[in-house]
């Protein structure tokens, strides 16, 4: 019999996945040991030490962005002060006769 197909079904594909385990404490300990060895002269600086330095700087930059910098904290302080001043002004308007005078003026 003739075996005609207008479309082909894809064959199954095998999924090869090997999990990578990451232990942050172990990595930090290894990096500190390498720095101490480099300071003592046991290990010379090489390409891996440059990569470690870049990784540390990148991680420090991410942490500073995550937890906020000095200018961001100043921004929040200024914003809080402005909100407090506006609340105080609104409170004084509510308790004074000026607001009633303004409302009566628009009512005429």
PDB file of N, CA and C in Angstrom:
ATOM      1  N   UNK A   1       0.827  -1.163   0.000  1.00  0.00           N
ATOM      2  CA  UNK A   1       0.000   0.000   0.000  1.00  0.00           C
ATOM      3  C   UNK A   1       0.885   1.244   0.000  1.00  0.00           C
ATOM      4  N   UNK A   2       0.396   2.307  -0.538  1.00  0.00           N
ATOM      5  CA  UNK A   2       1.161   3.543  -0.652  1.00  0.00           C
ATOM      6  C   UNK A   2       1.092   4.286   0.682  1.00  0.00           C
ATOM      7  N   UNK A   3       2.243   4.709   1.128  1.00  0.00           N
ATOM      8  CA  UNK A   3       2.353   5.386   2.429  1.00  0.00           C
ATOM      9  C   UNK A   3       2.572   6.884   2.192  1.00  0.00           C
ATOM     10  N   UNK A   4       1.501   7.623   1.964  1.00  0.00           N
ATOM     11  CA  UNK A   4       1.595   9.062   1.720  1.00  0.00           C
ATOM     12  C   UNK A   4       1.294   9.827   3.003  1.00  0.00           C
ATOM     13  N   UNK A   5       2.142  10.810   3.260  1.00  0.00           N
ATOM     14  CA  UNK A   5       1.917  11.700   4.403  1.00  0.00           C
ATOM     15  C   UNK A   5       2.026  13.145   3.929  1.00  0.00           C
ATOM     16  N   UNK A   6       1.111  13.941   4.390  1.00  0.00           N
ATOM     17  CA  UNK A   6       1.166  15.355   4.038  1.00  0.00           C
ATOM     18  C   UNK A   6       1.978  16.151   5.046  1.00  0.00           C
ATOM     19  N   UNK A   7       2.071  15.651   6.243  1.00  0.00           N
ATOM     20  CA  UNK A   7       2.899  16.307   7.256  1.00  0.00           C
ATOM     21  C   UNK A   7       3.574  15.230   8.092  1.00  0.00           C
ATOM     22  N   UNK A   8       4.699  15.569   8.606  1.00  0.00           N
ATOM     23  CA  UNK A   8       5.422  14.623   9.447  1.00  0.00           C
ATOM     24  C   UNK A   8       5.253  15.016  10.905  1.00  0.00           C
ATOM     25  N   UNK A   9       5.033  14.047  11.727  1.00  0.00           N
ATOM     26  CA  UNK A   9       4.979  14.285  13.155  1.00  0.00           C
ATOM     27  C   UNK A   9       6.403  14.304  13.705  1.00  0.00           C
ATOM     28  N   UNK A  10       6.688  15.221  14.593  1.00  0.00           N
ATOM     29  CA  UNK A  10       8.048  15.265  15.133  1.00  0.00           C
ATOM     30  C   UNK A  10       8.319  14.057  16.019  1.00  0.00           C
ATOM     31  N   UNK A  11       9.545  13.581  15.939  1.00  0.00           N
ATOM     32  CA  UNK A  11       9.943  12.474  16.799  1.00  0.00           C
ATOM     33  C   UNK A  11      10.253  13.013  18.177  1.00  0.00           C
ATOM     34  N   UNK A  12      10.114  12.162  19.159  1.00  0.00           N
ATOM     35  CA  UNK A  12      10.378  12.614  20.517  1.00  0.00           C
ATOM     36  C   UNK A  12      11.868  12.893  20.689  1.00  0.00           C
ATOM     37  N   UNK A  13      12.143  13.844  21.522  1.00  0.00           N
ATOM     38  CA  UNK A  13      13.526  14.224  21.796  1.00  0.00           C
ATOM     39  C   UNK A  13      13.845  13.888  23.236  1.00  0.00           C
ATOM     40  N   UNK A  14      15.027  13.432  23.444  1.00  0.00           N
ATOM     41  CA  UNK A  14      15.447  13.125  24.803  1.00  0.00           C
ATOM     42  C   UNK A  14      15.943  14.417  25.459  1.00  0.00           C
ATOM     43  N   UNK A  15      15.574  14.590  26.675  1.00  0.00           N
ATOM     44  CA  UNK A  15      15.938  15.782  27.436  1.00  0.00           C
ATOM     45  C   UNK A  15      17.088  15.427  28.361  1.00  0.00           C
ATOM     46  N   UNK A  16      18.227  16.042  28.110  1.00  0.00           N
ATOM     47  CA  UNK A  16      19.404  15.782  28.949  1.00  0.00           C
ATOM     48  C   UNK A  16      19.614  16.981  29.859  1.00  0.00           C
ATOM     49  N   UNK A  17      19.403  16.776  31.113  1.00  0.00           N
ATOM     50  CA  UNK A  17      19.561  17.852  32.088  1.00  0.00           C
ATOM     51  C   UNK A  17      20.374  17.334  33.258  1.00  0.00           C
ATOM     52  N   UNK A  18      21.457  18.008  33.514  1.00  0.00           N
ATOM     53  CA  UNK A  18      22.241  17.675  34.694  1.00  0.00           C
ATOM     54  C   UNK A  18      22.142  18.858  35.642  1.00  0.00           C
ATOM     55  N   UNK A  19      21.577  18.672  36.810  1.00  0.00           N
ATOM     56  CA  UNK A  19      21.392  19.796  37.724  1.00  0.00           C
ATOM     57  C   UNK A  19      22.727  20.325  38.251  1.00  0.00           C
ATOM     58  N   UNK A  20      22.767  21.614  38.446  1.00  0.00           N
ATOM     59  CA  UNK A  20      23.950  22.270  38.987  1.00  0.00           C
ATOM     60  C   UNK A  20      23.609  22.713  40.398  1.00  0.00           C
ATOM     61  N   UNK A  21      24.407  22.289  41.332  1.00  0.00           N
ATOM     62  CA  UNK A  21      24.175  22.645  42.725  1.00  0.00           C
ATOM     63  C   UNK A  21      25.078  23.818  43.085  1.00  0.00           C
ATOM     64  N   UNK A  22      24.490  24.807  43.717  1.00  0.00           N
ATOM     65  CA  UNK A  22      25.222  26.009  44.066  1.00  0.00           C
ATOM     66  C   UNK A  22      25.143  26.214  45.566  1.00  0.00           C
ATOM     67  N   UNK A  23      26.298  26.272  46.185  1.00  0.00           N
ATOM     68  CA  UNK A  23      26.380  26.517  47.615  1.00  0.00           C
ATOM     69  C   UNK A  23      27.089  27.856  47.812  1.00  0.00           C
ATOM     70  N   UNK A  24      26.317  28.876  48.180  1.00  0.00           N
ATOM     71  CA  UNK A  24      26.867  30.230  48.272  1.00  0.00           C
ATOM     72  C   UNK A  24      27.949  30.341  49.343  1.00  0.00           C
ATOM     73  N   UNK A  25      27.732  29.688  50.473  1.00  0.00           N
ATOM     74  CA  UNK A  25      28.728  29.754  51.549  1.00  0.00           C
ATOM     75  C   UNK A  25      30.043  29.112  51.115  1.00  0.00           C
ATOM     76  N   UNK A  26      29.950  28.010  50.406  1.00  0.00           N
ATOM     77  CA  UNK A  26      31.152  27.330  49.932  1.00  0.00           C
ATOM     78  C   UNK A  26      31.906  28.211  48.934  1.00  0.00           C
ATOM     79  N   UNK A  27      31.183  28.872  48.040  1.00  0.00           N
ATOM     80  CA  UNK A  27      31.808  29.767  47.067  1.00  0.00           C
ATOM     81  C   UNK A  27      32.509  30.934  47.762  1.00  0.00           C
ATOM     82  N   UNK A  28      31.847  31.542  48.762  1.00  0.00           N
ATOM     83  CA  UNK A  28      32.453  32.659  49.482  1.00  0.00           C
ATOM     84  C   UNK A  28      33.693  32.218  50.239  1.00  0.00           C
ATOM     85  N   UNK A  29      33.629  31.045  50.873  1.00  0.00           N
ATOM     86  CA  UNK A  29      34.790  30.517  51.593  1.00  0.00           C
ATOM     87  C   UNK A  29      35.945  30.271  50.636  1.00  0.00           C
ATOM     88  N   UNK A  30      35.645  29.686  49.492  1.00  0.00           N
ATOM     89  CA  UNK A  30      36.693  29.422  48.494  1.00  0.00           C
ATOM     90  C   UNK A  30      37.320  30.732  48.013  1.00  0.00           C
ATOM     91  N   UNK A  31      36.486  31.751  47.783  1.00  0.00           N
ATOM     92  CA  UNK A  31      36.998  33.043  47.324  1.00  0.00           C
ATOM     93  C   UNK A  31      37.886  33.688  48.380  1.00  0.00           C
ATOM     94  N   UNK A  32      37.473  33.605  49.659  1.00  0.00           N
ATOM     95  CA  UNK A  32      38.298  34.182  50.730  1.00  0.00           C
ATOM     96  C   UNK A  32      39.631  33.457  50.847  1.00  0.00           C
ATOM     97  N   UNK A  33      39.615  32.140  50.716  1.00  0.00           N
ATOM     98  CA  UNK A  33      40.858  31.361  50.788  1.00  0.00           C
ATOM     99  C   UNK A  33      41.779  31.758  49.642  1.00  0.00           C
ATOM    100  N   UNK A  34      41.219  31.934  48.456  1.00  0.00           N
ATOM    101  CA  UNK A  34      42.035  32.332  47.308  1.00  0.00           C
ATOM    102  C   UNK A  34      42.654  33.719  47.513  1.00  0.00           C
ATOM    103  N   UNK A  35      41.883  34.639  48.081  1.00  0.00           N
ATOM    104  CA  UNK A  35      42.403  35.995  48.330  1.00  0.00           C
ATOM    105  C   UNK A  35      43.552  35.940  49.323  1.00  0.00           C
ATOM    106  N   UNK A  36      43.395  35.164  50.392  1.00  0.00           N
ATOM    107  CA  UNK A  36      44.454  35.059  51.395  1.00  0.00           C
ATOM    108  C   UNK A  36      45.697  34.419  50.798  1.00  0.00           C
ATOM    109  N   UNK A  37      45.523  33.380  50.013  1.00  0.00           N
ATOM    110  CA  UNK A  37      46.667  32.730  49.368  1.00  0.00           C
ATOM    111  C   UNK A  37      47.368  33.683  48.414  1.00  0.00           C
ATOM    112  N   UNK A  38      46.597  34.482  47.684  1.00  0.00           N
ATOM    113  CA  UNK A  38      47.184  35.444  46.766  1.00  0.00           C
ATOM    114  C   UNK A  38      47.968  36.508  47.524  1.00  0.00           C
ATOM    115  N   UNK A  39      47.439  36.951  48.685  1.00  0.00           N
ATOM    116  CA  UNK A  39      48.144  37.947  49.498  1.00  0.00           C
ATOM    117  C   UNK A  39      49.435  37.383  50.070  1.00  0.00           C
ATOM    118  N   UNK A  40      49.420  36.099  50.409  1.00  0.00           N
ATOM    119  CA  UNK A  40      50.613  35.481  50.978  1.00  0.00           C
ATOM    120  C   UNK A  40      51.636  35.122  49.902  1.00  0.00           C
ATOM    121  N   UNK A  41      51.255  35.205  48.654  1.00  0.00           N
ATOM    122  CA  UNK A  41      52.187  34.938  47.573  1.00  0.00           C
ATOM    123  C   UNK A  41      52.185  33.494  47.118  1.00  0.00           C
ATOM    124  N   UNK A  42      51.311  32.686  47.609  1.00  0.00           N
ATOM    125  CA  UNK A  42      51.268  31.285  47.196  1.00  0.00           C
ATOM    126  C   UNK A  42      50.691  31.139  45.788  1.00  0.00           C
ATOM    127  N   UNK A  43      49.748  32.012  45.451  1.00  0.00           N
ATOM    128  CA  UNK A  43      49.114  31.945  44.134  1.00  0.00           C
ATOM    129  C   UNK A  43      49.331  33.283  43.444  1.00  0.00           C
ATOM    130  N   UNK A  44      49.702  33.228  42.183  1.00  0.00           N
ATOM    131  CA  UNK A  44      49.851  34.455  41.410  1.00  0.00           C
ATOM    132  C   UNK A  44      48.501  34.824  40.810  1.00  0.00           C
ATOM    133  N   UNK A  45      48.302  36.103  40.566  1.00  0.00           N
ATOM    134  CA  UNK A  45      47.053  36.568  39.949  1.00  0.00           C
ATOM    135  C   UNK A  45      46.948  36.010  38.542  1.00  0.00           C
ATOM    136  N   UNK A  46      45.772  35.561  38.207  1.00  0.00           N
ATOM    137  CA  UNK A  46      45.560  35.034  36.866  1.00  0.00           C
ATOM    138  C   UNK A  46      44.173  35.433  36.376  1.00  0.00           C
ATOM    139  N   UNK A  47      43.752  34.816  35.309  1.00  0.00           N
ATOM    140  CA  UNK A  47      42.468  35.170  34.706  1.00  0.00           C
ATOM    141  C   UNK A  47      41.303  34.839  35.635  1.00  0.00           C
ATOM    142  N   UNK A  48      41.404  33.755  36.389  1.00  0.00           N
ATOM    143  CA  UNK A  48      40.318  33.375  37.301  1.00  0.00           C
ATOM    144  C   UNK A  48      40.147  34.395  38.423  1.00  0.00           C
ATOM    145  N   UNK A  49      41.258  34.942  38.921  1.00  0.00           N
ATOM    146  CA  UNK A  49      41.138  35.944  39.980  1.00  0.00           C
ATOM    147  C   UNK A  49      40.469  37.210  39.455  1.00  0.00           C
ATOM    148  N   UNK A  50      40.743  37.548  38.199  1.00  0.00           N
ATOM    149  CA  UNK A  50      40.080  38.710  37.592  1.00  0.00           C
ATOM    150  C   UNK A  50      38.579  38.456  37.473  1.00  0.00           C
ATOM    151  N   UNK A  51      38.217  37.235  37.085  1.00  0.00           N
ATOM    152  CA  UNK A  51      36.794  36.893  36.985  1.00  0.00           C
ATOM    153  C   UNK A  51      36.122  36.964  38.351  1.00  0.00           C
ATOM    154  N   UNK A  52      36.822  36.494  39.383  1.00  0.00           N
ATOM    155  CA  UNK A  52      36.264  36.546  40.742  1.00  0.00           C
ATOM    156  C   UNK A  52      36.047  37.991  41.184  1.00  0.00           C
ATOM    157  N   UNK A  53      37.009  38.854  40.874  1.00  0.00           N
ATOM    158  CA  UNK A  53      36.870  40.269  41.246  1.00  0.00           C
ATOM    159  C   UNK A  53      35.676  40.902  40.538  1.00  0.00           C
ATOM    160  N   UNK A  54      35.499  40.584  39.265  1.00  0.00           N
ATOM    161  CA  UNK A  54      34.359  41.118  38.520  1.00  0.00           C
ATOM    162  C   UNK A  54      33.067  40.603  39.122  1.00  0.00           C
ATOM    163  N   UNK A  55      33.032  39.322  39.472  1.00  0.00           N
ATOM    164  CA  UNK A  55      31.830  38.727  40.053  1.00  0.00           C
ATOM    165  C   UNK A  55      31.485  39.402  41.384  1.00  0.00           C
ATOM    166  N   UNK A  56      32.514  39.650  42.212  1.00  0.00           N
ATOM    167  CA  UNK A  56      32.279  40.306  43.505  1.00  0.00           C
ATOM    168  C   UNK A  56      31.741  41.719  43.316  1.00  0.00           C
ATOM    169  N   UNK A  57      32.336  42.475  42.386  1.00  0.00           N
ATOM    170  CA  UNK A  57      31.885  43.845  42.146  1.00  0.00           C
ATOM    171  C   UNK A  57      30.454  43.871  41.617  1.00  0.00           C
ATOM    172  N   UNK A  58      30.128  42.942  40.731  1.00  0.00           N
ATOM    173  CA  UNK A  58      28.779  42.875  40.189  1.00  0.00           C
ATOM    174  C   UNK A  58      27.772  42.546  41.288  1.00  0.00           C
ATOM    175  N   UNK A  59      28.137  41.606  42.167  1.00  0.00           N
ATOM    176  CA  UNK A  59      27.248  41.219  43.263  1.00  0.00           C
ATOM    177  C   UNK A  59      27.059  42.385  44.236  1.00  0.00           C
ATOM    178  N   UNK A  60      28.125  43.117  44.527  1.00  0.00           N
ATOM    179  CA  UNK A  60      28.020  44.271  45.421  1.00  0.00           C
ATOM    180  C   UNK A  60      27.120  45.348  44.813  1.00  0.00           C
ATOM    181  N   UNK A  61      27.225  45.533  43.500  1.00  0.00           N
ATOM    182  CA  UNK A  61      26.383  46.524  42.841  1.00  0.00           C
ATOM    183  C   UNK A  61      24.913  46.108  42.892  1.00  0.00           C
ATOM    184  N   UNK A  62      24.644  44.827  42.688  1.00  0.00           N
ATOM    185  CA  UNK A  62      23.268  44.347  42.766  1.00  0.00           C
ATOM    186  C   UNK A  62      22.710  44.535  44.169  1.00  0.00           C
ATOM    187  N   UNK A  63      23.504  44.256  45.199  1.00  0.00           N
ATOM    188  CA  UNK A  63      23.037  44.420  46.574  1.00  0.00           C
ATOM    189  C   UNK A  63      22.755  45.879  46.883  1.00  0.00           C
ATOM    190  N   UNK A  64      23.599  46.776  46.394  1.00  0.00           N
ATOM    191  CA  UNK A  64      23.366  48.198  46.666  1.00  0.00           C
ATOM    192  C   UNK A  64      22.099  48.679  45.968  1.00  0.00           C
ATOM    193  N   UNK A  65      21.822  48.140  44.786  1.00  0.00           N
ATOM    194  CA  UNK A  65      20.596  48.527  44.096  1.00  0.00           C
ATOM    195  C   UNK A  65      19.376  47.933  44.779  1.00  0.00           C
ATOM    196  N   UNK A  66      19.524  46.747  45.320  1.00  0.00           N
ATOM    197  CA  UNK A  66      18.394  46.078  45.956  1.00  0.00           C
ATOM    198  C   UNK A  66      18.008  46.775  47.254  1.00  0.00           C
ATOM    199  N   UNK A  67      18.985  47.121  48.059  1.00  0.00           N
ATOM    200  CA  UNK A  67      18.690  47.680  49.362  1.00  0.00           C
ATOM    201  C   UNK A  67      18.672  49.206  49.364  1.00  0.00           C
ATOM    202  N   UNK A  68      18.941  49.814  48.262  1.00  0.00           N
ATOM    203  CA  UNK A  68      18.862  51.265  48.159  1.00  0.00           C
ATOM    204  C   UNK A  68      20.190  51.928  48.459  1.00  0.00           C
ATOM    205  N   UNK A  69      20.395  53.014  47.799  1.00  0.00           N
ATOM    206  CA  UNK A  69      21.618  53.767  48.008  1.00  0.00           C
ATOM    207  C   UNK A  69      21.324  54.982  48.888  1.00  0.00           C
ATOM    208  N   UNK A  70      22.351  55.751  49.141  1.00  0.00           N
ATOM    209  CA  UNK A  70      22.233  56.921  50.003  1.00  0.00           C
ATOM    210  C   UNK A  70      21.272  57.941  49.406  1.00  0.00           C
ATOM    211  N   UNK A  71      21.339  58.162  48.089  1.00  0.00           N
ATOM    212  CA  UNK A  71      20.461  59.152  47.465  1.00  0.00           C
ATOM    213  C   UNK A  71      18.993  58.706  47.520  1.00  0.00           C
ATOM    214  N   UNK A  72      18.760  57.405  47.407  1.00  0.00           N
ATOM    215  CA  UNK A  72      17.389  56.922  47.488  1.00  0.00           C
ATOM    216  C   UNK A  72      16.834  57.111  48.896  1.00  0.00           C
ATOM    217  N   UNK A  73      17.653  56.910  49.908  1.00  0.00           N
ATOM    218  CA  UNK A  73      17.206  57.123  51.282  1.00  0.00           C
ATOM    219  C   UNK A  73      16.904  58.605  51.511  1.00  0.00           C
ATOM    220  N   UNK A  74      17.734  59.484  50.956  1.00  0.00           N
ATOM    221  CA  UNK A  74      17.474  60.917  51.068  1.00  0.00           C
ATOM    222  C   UNK A  74      16.169  61.279  50.376  1.00  0.00           C
ATOM    223  N   UNK A  75      15.902  60.672  49.245  1.00  0.00           N
ATOM    224  CA  UNK A  75      14.657  60.924  48.528  1.00  0.00           C
ATOM    225  C   UNK A  75      13.458  60.548  49.394  1.00  0.00           C
ATOM    226  N   UNK A  76      13.524  59.414  50.037  1.00  0.00           N
ATOM    227  CA  UNK A  76      12.422  58.980  50.892  1.00  0.00           C
ATOM    228  C   UNK A  76      12.248  59.906  52.094  1.00  0.00           C
ATOM    229  N   UNK A  77      13.349  60.404  52.657  1.00  0.00           N
ATOM    230  CA  UNK A  77      13.259  61.344  53.770  1.00  0.00           C
ATOM    231  C   UNK A  77      12.600  62.653  53.328  1.00  0.00           C
ATOM    232  N   UNK A  78      13.006  63.165  52.161  1.00  0.00           N
ATOM    233  CA  UNK A  78      12.414  64.396  51.649  1.00  0.00           C
ATOM    234  C   UNK A  78      10.929  64.205  51.366  1.00  0.00           C
ATOM    235  N   UNK A  79      10.586  63.075  50.770  1.00  0.00           N
ATOM    236  CA  UNK A  79       9.189  62.792  50.478  1.00  0.00           C
ATOM    237  C   UNK A  79       8.365  62.713  51.757  1.00  0.00           C
ATOM    238  N   UNK A  80       8.888  62.076  52.778  1.00  0.00           N
ATOM    239  CA  UNK A  80       8.195  61.993  54.062  1.00  0.00           C
ATOM    240  C   UNK A  80       8.004  63.356  54.687  1.00  0.00           C
ATOM    241  N   UNK A  81       9.036  64.209  54.609  1.00  0.00           N
ATOM    242  CA  UNK A  81       8.931  65.558  55.168  1.00  0.00           C
ATOM    243  C   UNK A  81       7.869  66.367  54.430  1.00  0.00           C
ATOM    244  N   UNK A  82       7.826  66.251  53.113  1.00  0.00           N
ATOM    245  CA  UNK A  82       6.820  66.979  52.329  1.00  0.00           C
ATOM    246  C   UNK A  82       5.418  66.510  52.694  1.00  0.00           C
ATOM    247  N   UNK A  83       5.252  65.206  52.836  1.00  0.00           N
ATOM    248  CA  UNK A  83       3.934  64.670  53.200  1.00  0.00           C
ATOM    249  C   UNK A  83       3.515  65.164  54.578  1.00  0.00           C
ATOM    250  N   UNK A  84       4.441  65.192  55.527  1.00  0.00           N
ATOM    251  CA  UNK A  84       4.116  65.692  56.866  1.00  0.00           C
ATOM    252  C   UNK A  84       3.709  67.161  56.840  1.00  0.00           C
ATOM    253  N   UNK A  85       4.412  67.968  56.056  1.00  0.00           N
ATOM    254  CA  UNK A  85       4.079  69.388  55.953  1.00  0.00           C
ATOM    255  C   UNK A  85       2.697  69.562  55.329  1.00  0.00           C
ATOM    256  N   UNK A  86       2.394  68.809  54.281  1.00  0.00           N
ATOM    257  CA  UNK A  86       1.078  68.909  53.648  1.00  0.00           C
ATOM    258  C   UNK A  86      -0.034  68.464  54.596  1.00  0.00           C
ATOM    259  N   UNK A  87       0.208  67.433  55.379  1.00  0.00           N
ATOM    260  CA  UNK A  87      -0.787  66.984  56.358  1.00  0.00           C
ATOM    261  C   UNK A  87      -1.024  68.067  57.409  1.00  0.00           C
ATOM    262  N   UNK A  88       0.054  68.727  57.873  1.00  0.00           N
ATOM    263  CA  UNK A  88      -0.086  69.795  58.868  1.00  0.00           C
ATOM    264  C   UNK A  88      -0.893  70.962  58.297  1.00  0.00           C
ATOM    265  N   UNK A  89      -0.631  71.340  57.054  1.00  0.00           N
ATOM    266  CA  UNK A  89      -1.373  72.437  56.419  1.00  0.00           C
ATOM    267  C   UNK A  89      -2.844  72.066  56.283  1.00  0.00           C
ATOM    268  N   UNK A  90      -3.121  70.844  55.834  1.00  0.00           N
ATOM    269  CA  UNK A  90      -4.506  70.397  55.687  1.00  0.00           C
ATOM    270  C   UNK A  90      -5.227  70.394  57.030  1.00  0.00           C
ATOM    271  N   UNK A  91      -4.542  69.958  58.064  1.00  0.00           N
ATOM    272  CA  UNK A  91      -5.129  69.927  59.411  1.00  0.00           C
ATOM    273  C   UNK A  91      -5.477  71.340  59.880  1.00  0.00           C
ATOM    274  N   UNK A  92      -4.576  72.289  59.631  1.00  0.00           N
ATOM    275  CA  UNK A  92      -4.840  73.676  60.019  1.00  0.00           C
ATOM    276  C   UNK A  92      -6.011  74.254  59.227  1.00  0.00           C
ATOM    277  N   UNK A  93      -6.137  73.893  57.953  1.00  0.00           N
ATOM    278  CA  UNK A  93      -7.265  74.384  57.151  1.00  0.00           C
ATOM    279  C   UNK A  93      -8.581  73.826  57.654  1.00  0.00           C
ATOM    280  N   UNK A  94      -8.584  72.588  58.047  1.00  0.00           N
ATOM    281  CA  UNK A  94      -9.813  71.964  58.545  1.00  0.00           C
ATOM    282  C   UNK A  94     -10.264  72.645  59.841  1.00  0.00           C
ATOM    283  N   UNK A  95      -9.334  72.973  60.728  1.00  0.00           N
ATOM    284  CA  UNK A  95      -9.665  73.543  62.037  1.00  0.00           C
ATOM    285  C   UNK A  95      -9.866  75.055  62.005  1.00  0.00           C
ATOM    286  N   UNK A  96      -9.593  75.701  60.902  1.00  0.00           N
ATOM    287  CA  UNK A  96      -9.731  77.161  60.867  1.00  0.00           C
ATOM    288  C   UNK A  96     -11.027  77.568  60.158  1.00  0.00           C
ATOM    289  N   UNK A  97     -11.328  78.870  60.224  1.00  0.00           N
ATOM    290  CA  UNK A  97     -12.523  79.415  59.586  1.00  0.00           C
ATOM    291  C   UNK A  97     -12.266  79.775  58.121  1.00  0.00           C
ATOM    292  N   UNK A  98     -11.044  79.698  57.682  1.00  0.00           N
ATOM    293  CA  UNK A  98     -10.711  80.092  56.308  1.00  0.00           C
ATOM    294  C   UNK A  98     -11.413  79.181  55.310  1.00  0.00           C
ATOM    295  N   UNK A  99     -11.449  77.902  55.592  1.00  0.00           N
ATOM    296  CA  UNK A  99     -12.081  76.946  54.683  1.00  0.00           C
ATOM    297  C   UNK A  99     -13.583  77.229  54.569  1.00  0.00           C
ATOM    298  N   UNK A 100     -14.228  77.542  55.674  1.00  0.00           N
ATOM    299  CA  UNK A 100     -15.653  77.879  55.641  1.00  0.00           C
ATOM    300  C   UNK A 100     -15.895  79.172  54.854  1.00  0.00           C
ATOM    301  N   UNK A 101     -15.006  80.146  55.024  1.00  0.00           N
ATOM    302  CA  UNK A 101     -15.102  81.414  54.293  1.00  0.00           C
ATOM    303  C   UNK A 101     -14.994  81.170  52.789  1.00  0.00           C
ATOM    304  N   UNK A 102     -14.066  80.297  52.379  1.00  0.00           N
ATOM    305  CA  UNK A 102     -13.884  79.995  50.962  1.00  0.00           C
ATOM    306  C   UNK A 102     -15.112  79.282  50.399  1.00  0.00           C
ATOM    307  N   UNK A 103     -15.659  78.334  51.160  1.00  0.00           N
ATOM    308  CA  UNK A 103     -16.832  77.592  50.698  1.00  0.00           C
ATOM    309  C   UNK A 103     -18.039  78.515  50.568  1.00  0.00           C
ATOM    310  N   UNK A 104     -18.232  79.434  51.508  1.00  0.00           N
ATOM    311  CA  UNK A 104     -19.339  80.400  51.436  1.00  0.00           C
ATOM    312  C   UNK A 104     -19.168  81.327  50.239  1.00  0.00           C
ATOM    313  N   UNK A 105     -17.933  81.676  49.943  1.00  0.00           N
ATOM    314  CA  UNK A 105     -17.663  82.540  48.786  1.00  0.00           C
ATOM    315  C   UNK A 105     -18.056  81.896  47.490  1.00  0.00           C
ATOM    316  N   UNK A 106     -17.808  80.590  47.338  1.00  0.00           N
ATOM    317  CA  UNK A 106     -18.184  79.884  46.123  1.00  0.00           C
ATOM    318  C   UNK A 106     -19.678  79.589  46.080  1.00  0.00           C
ATOM    319  N   UNK A 107     -20.328  79.560  47.244  1.00  0.00           N
ATOM    320  CA  UNK A 107     -21.752  79.297  47.315  1.00  0.00           C
ATOM    321  C   UNK A 107     -22.602  80.449  46.818  1.00  0.00           C
ATOM    322  N   UNK A 108     -22.106  81.663  46.859  1.00  0.00           N
ATOM    323  CA  UNK A 108     -22.877  82.847  46.435  1.00  0.00           C
ATOM    324  C   UNK A 108     -22.917  82.903  44.986  1.00  0.00           C
TER     325      UNK A 108
END
